[in-house]
Protein backbone atom coordinates (compact mmCIF):
# COMPACT_ATOMS: atom_id res chain seq x y z
CA MET A 1 -0.05 0.03 -0.02
CA ASN A 2 2.89 2.37 0.89
CA ALA A 3 4.53 1.72 -2.53
CA ALA A 4 1.27 2.50 -4.30
CA ARG A 5 1.02 5.80 -2.48
CA ILE A 6 4.63 6.69 -3.34
CA TRP A 7 4.00 5.83 -7.10
CA GLY A 8 0.77 7.83 -7.04
CA VAL A 9 2.56 10.91 -5.66
CA ALA A 10 5.41 10.44 -8.18
CA LEU A 11 2.98 10.19 -11.05
CA LEU A 12 1.25 13.34 -9.84
CA VAL A 13 4.43 15.24 -9.68
CA LEU A 14 5.28 14.12 -13.17
CA VAL A 15 2.00 15.13 -14.54
CA LEU A 16 2.20 18.56 -12.96
CA ALA A 17 5.65 19.14 -14.13
CA GLY A 18 4.80 17.97 -17.59
CA CYS A 19 1.99 20.34 -18.05
CA GLY A 20 4.24 23.30 -17.07
CA PHE A 21 2.89 23.97 -13.54
CA GLN A 22 5.13 25.99 -11.36
CA LEU A 23 4.63 27.47 -7.96
CA ARG A 24 4.42 31.18 -8.26
CA GLY A 25 6.32 32.15 -5.16
CA VAL A 26 7.03 35.83 -4.32
CA PRO A 27 8.36 38.08 -7.01
CA ASP A 28 11.72 39.79 -6.26
CA TRP A 29 12.16 43.44 -6.29
CA PRO A 30 14.63 44.59 -9.08
CA ASP A 31 18.20 45.18 -8.04
CA GLY A 32 18.20 48.94 -9.03
CA LEU A 33 16.13 49.84 -6.04
CA ASP A 34 18.84 49.39 -3.41
CA PRO A 35 18.83 51.53 -1.29
CA ILE A 36 15.27 52.87 -1.43
CA ARG A 37 13.11 55.26 0.61
CA ILE A 38 9.34 55.11 0.88
CA GLU A 39 7.65 58.44 0.85
CA GLY A 40 4.01 59.48 1.22
CA LEU A 41 3.03 57.04 4.02
CA ALA A 42 3.52 57.19 7.77
CA VAL A 43 6.27 54.99 9.02
CA ARG A 44 3.69 53.11 11.35
CA ASP A 45 1.16 52.65 8.55
CA PRO A 46 0.49 48.91 7.93
CA LEU A 47 0.99 49.47 4.27
CA TYR A 48 4.43 51.06 4.93
CA LEU A 49 5.35 48.23 7.24
CA ASN A 50 4.30 45.55 4.65
CA LEU A 51 6.16 47.34 1.84
CA ALA A 52 9.29 47.85 3.99
CA GLN A 53 9.19 44.22 5.16
CA SER A 54 8.95 42.96 1.50
CA LEU A 55 11.81 45.00 0.42
CA ARG A 56 14.01 44.02 3.17
CA ALA A 57 13.19 40.34 2.72
CA ALA A 58 14.50 40.83 -0.86
CA GLY A 59 17.75 42.39 0.39
CA VAL A 60 16.93 45.99 -0.44
CA GLU A 61 18.03 48.59 2.22
CA VAL A 62 15.01 50.83 3.24
CA LEU A 63 16.13 54.22 4.31
CA PRO A 64 14.18 56.61 6.46
CA PRO A 65 12.00 59.08 4.72
CA GLY A 66 13.83 62.30 3.58
CA THR A 67 17.09 60.56 2.92
CA ALA A 68 18.84 61.82 -0.17
CA GLY A 69 20.58 59.79 -2.83
CA ALA A 70 18.32 56.77 -2.97
CA ALA A 71 15.61 55.46 -5.22
CA GLU A 72 12.36 56.77 -4.10
CA LEU A 73 9.01 55.05 -4.00
CA ARG A 74 6.37 57.73 -3.43
CA VAL A 75 2.73 56.94 -2.55
CA LEU A 76 0.71 59.87 -4.31
CA SER A 77 -2.52 58.83 -2.94
CA LEU A 78 -4.14 55.91 -0.83
CA HIS A 79 -7.94 55.69 -0.53
CA ASP A 80 -10.01 53.30 1.40
CA ASP A 81 -13.80 52.81 0.72
CA ARG A 82 -16.51 50.65 1.99
CA ARG A 83 -19.55 50.14 -0.22
CA VAL A 84 -22.78 48.41 0.43
CA LEU A 85 -22.94 45.65 -2.11
CA SER A 86 -26.21 43.89 -1.33
CA VAL A 87 -29.31 44.51 0.84
CA THR A 88 -31.83 41.89 2.11
CA GLY A 89 -35.57 41.98 1.35
CA ALA A 90 -36.01 43.55 4.79
CA ALA A 91 -33.80 46.48 3.78
CA ARG A 92 -30.82 45.36 5.85
CA ILE A 93 -27.13 45.19 4.59
CA SER A 94 -26.03 41.83 3.92
CA GLU A 95 -22.70 42.36 1.96
CA TYR A 96 -19.97 44.97 1.91
CA GLU A 97 -17.22 45.63 -0.49
CA LEU A 98 -13.91 46.95 0.81
CA VAL A 99 -11.86 48.75 -1.78
CA ARG A 100 -8.28 50.22 -1.48
CA GLN A 101 -6.75 52.31 -4.25
CA LEU A 102 -3.08 53.28 -4.43
CA GLU A 103 -1.35 55.57 -6.79
CA ALA A 104 2.49 55.68 -6.86
CA GLU A 105 5.43 56.74 -8.71
CA LEU A 106 9.04 55.65 -8.79
CA ALA A 107 12.20 57.90 -8.85
CA LEU A 108 15.55 56.48 -9.67
CA PRO A 109 18.83 58.23 -8.85
CA ASP A 110 20.04 57.82 -12.50
CA VAL A 111 16.81 58.71 -14.20
CA ALA A 112 15.69 62.38 -14.52
CA GLU A 113 11.98 61.93 -14.58
CA ARG A 114 9.75 60.20 -12.17
CA LEU A 115 8.26 56.95 -13.48
CA PRO A 116 4.43 56.63 -13.01
CA LEU A 117 3.34 53.27 -11.51
CA GLY A 118 -0.30 54.11 -12.05
CA ARG A 119 -3.30 53.31 -10.03
CA LEU A 120 -3.52 49.97 -8.26
CA GLU A 121 -6.79 48.74 -6.74
CA VAL A 122 -7.71 45.74 -4.69
CA SER A 123 -11.13 44.75 -3.29
CA ARG A 124 -12.78 42.15 -1.01
CA VAL A 125 -16.35 41.29 -0.24
CA TYR A 126 -17.52 40.25 3.03
CA VAL A 127 -20.86 39.10 4.47
CA PHE A 128 -22.24 41.32 7.20
CA ASP A 129 -23.52 39.50 10.20
CA ALA A 130 -25.81 41.68 12.33
CA ALA A 131 -25.55 39.00 15.13
CA SER A 132 -21.81 39.61 15.59
CA VAL A 133 -21.38 43.26 15.22
CA LEU A 134 -18.30 43.39 17.47
CA GLY A 135 -16.46 40.80 15.26
CA GLN A 136 -17.09 42.69 12.07
CA SER A 137 -14.40 45.33 12.80
CA GLU A 138 -11.90 42.60 13.40
CA ARG A 139 -12.96 40.77 10.22
CA GLU A 140 -12.67 44.10 8.27
CA GLU A 141 -9.25 44.81 9.69
CA GLU A 142 -8.09 41.28 8.68
CA LEU A 143 -9.42 41.84 5.18
CA ARG A 144 -7.50 45.22 5.01
CA LEU A 145 -4.31 43.57 5.98
CA ALA A 146 -4.75 40.94 3.27
CA MET A 147 -5.42 43.86 0.83
CA ASN A 148 -2.18 45.46 1.83
CA ARG A 149 -0.22 42.38 1.13
CA ASP A 150 -1.95 42.21 -2.30
CA LEU A 151 -1.15 45.91 -3.00
CA VAL A 152 2.56 45.14 -2.20
CA ARG A 153 2.63 42.27 -4.62
CA LEU A 154 0.95 44.25 -7.39
CA LEU A 155 3.45 47.09 -6.67
CA GLN A 156 6.36 44.68 -7.05
CA LEU A 157 5.01 43.40 -10.39
CA ARG A 158 4.42 46.88 -11.64
CA VAL A 159 7.93 48.07 -10.74
CA GLN A 160 9.43 44.95 -12.36
CA ALA A 161 7.39 45.54 -15.60
CA LEU A 162 8.28 49.30 -15.63
CA LEU A 163 11.96 48.72 -15.09
CA ALA A 164 12.08 46.15 -17.76
CA GLN A 165 10.67 48.71 -20.26
CA THR A 166 12.79 51.58 -19.03
CA PRO A 167 16.21 51.84 -21.10
CA SER A 168 18.21 52.30 -17.87
CA GLY A 169 16.40 49.27 -16.31
CA GLU A 170 17.69 46.98 -18.83
CA SER A 171 21.04 46.78 -17.30
CA ARG A 172 19.51 46.01 -13.88
């Protein structure tokens, strides 16, 4: 029985490898960003903390805001919104949609102009439970933290794509 299980797992691995399946993992930040400073967010903001943690995990030195001579990731705007998504027949809210929008730009020490990263948006839907009103704020906070992680991943991908297109980014 044990040998059959091993053969089954081996066959599954071969099939997945044969079809081109790969684990995505976490994208790396490009090399040209070391060191970098993050502007436009408070140092204790959860998004700032996620962004700095992601950069440090990739080996990028994160400098304090206002430091000169480094690449700069500037958050131009960050908006949170909570919209009513659906209402019950008794005119009670049953679902909310949380939306977080970020607009940012990147300035590199060797590039004269700022590189716009555009607007990134993530959203989550959650069911409102009137019976556990106290737990709703905790649930909403958990969703916002997950949205921050998604924004950091989207920002990584956008920076990678932008630097791949930028002539000075080709050597990075």
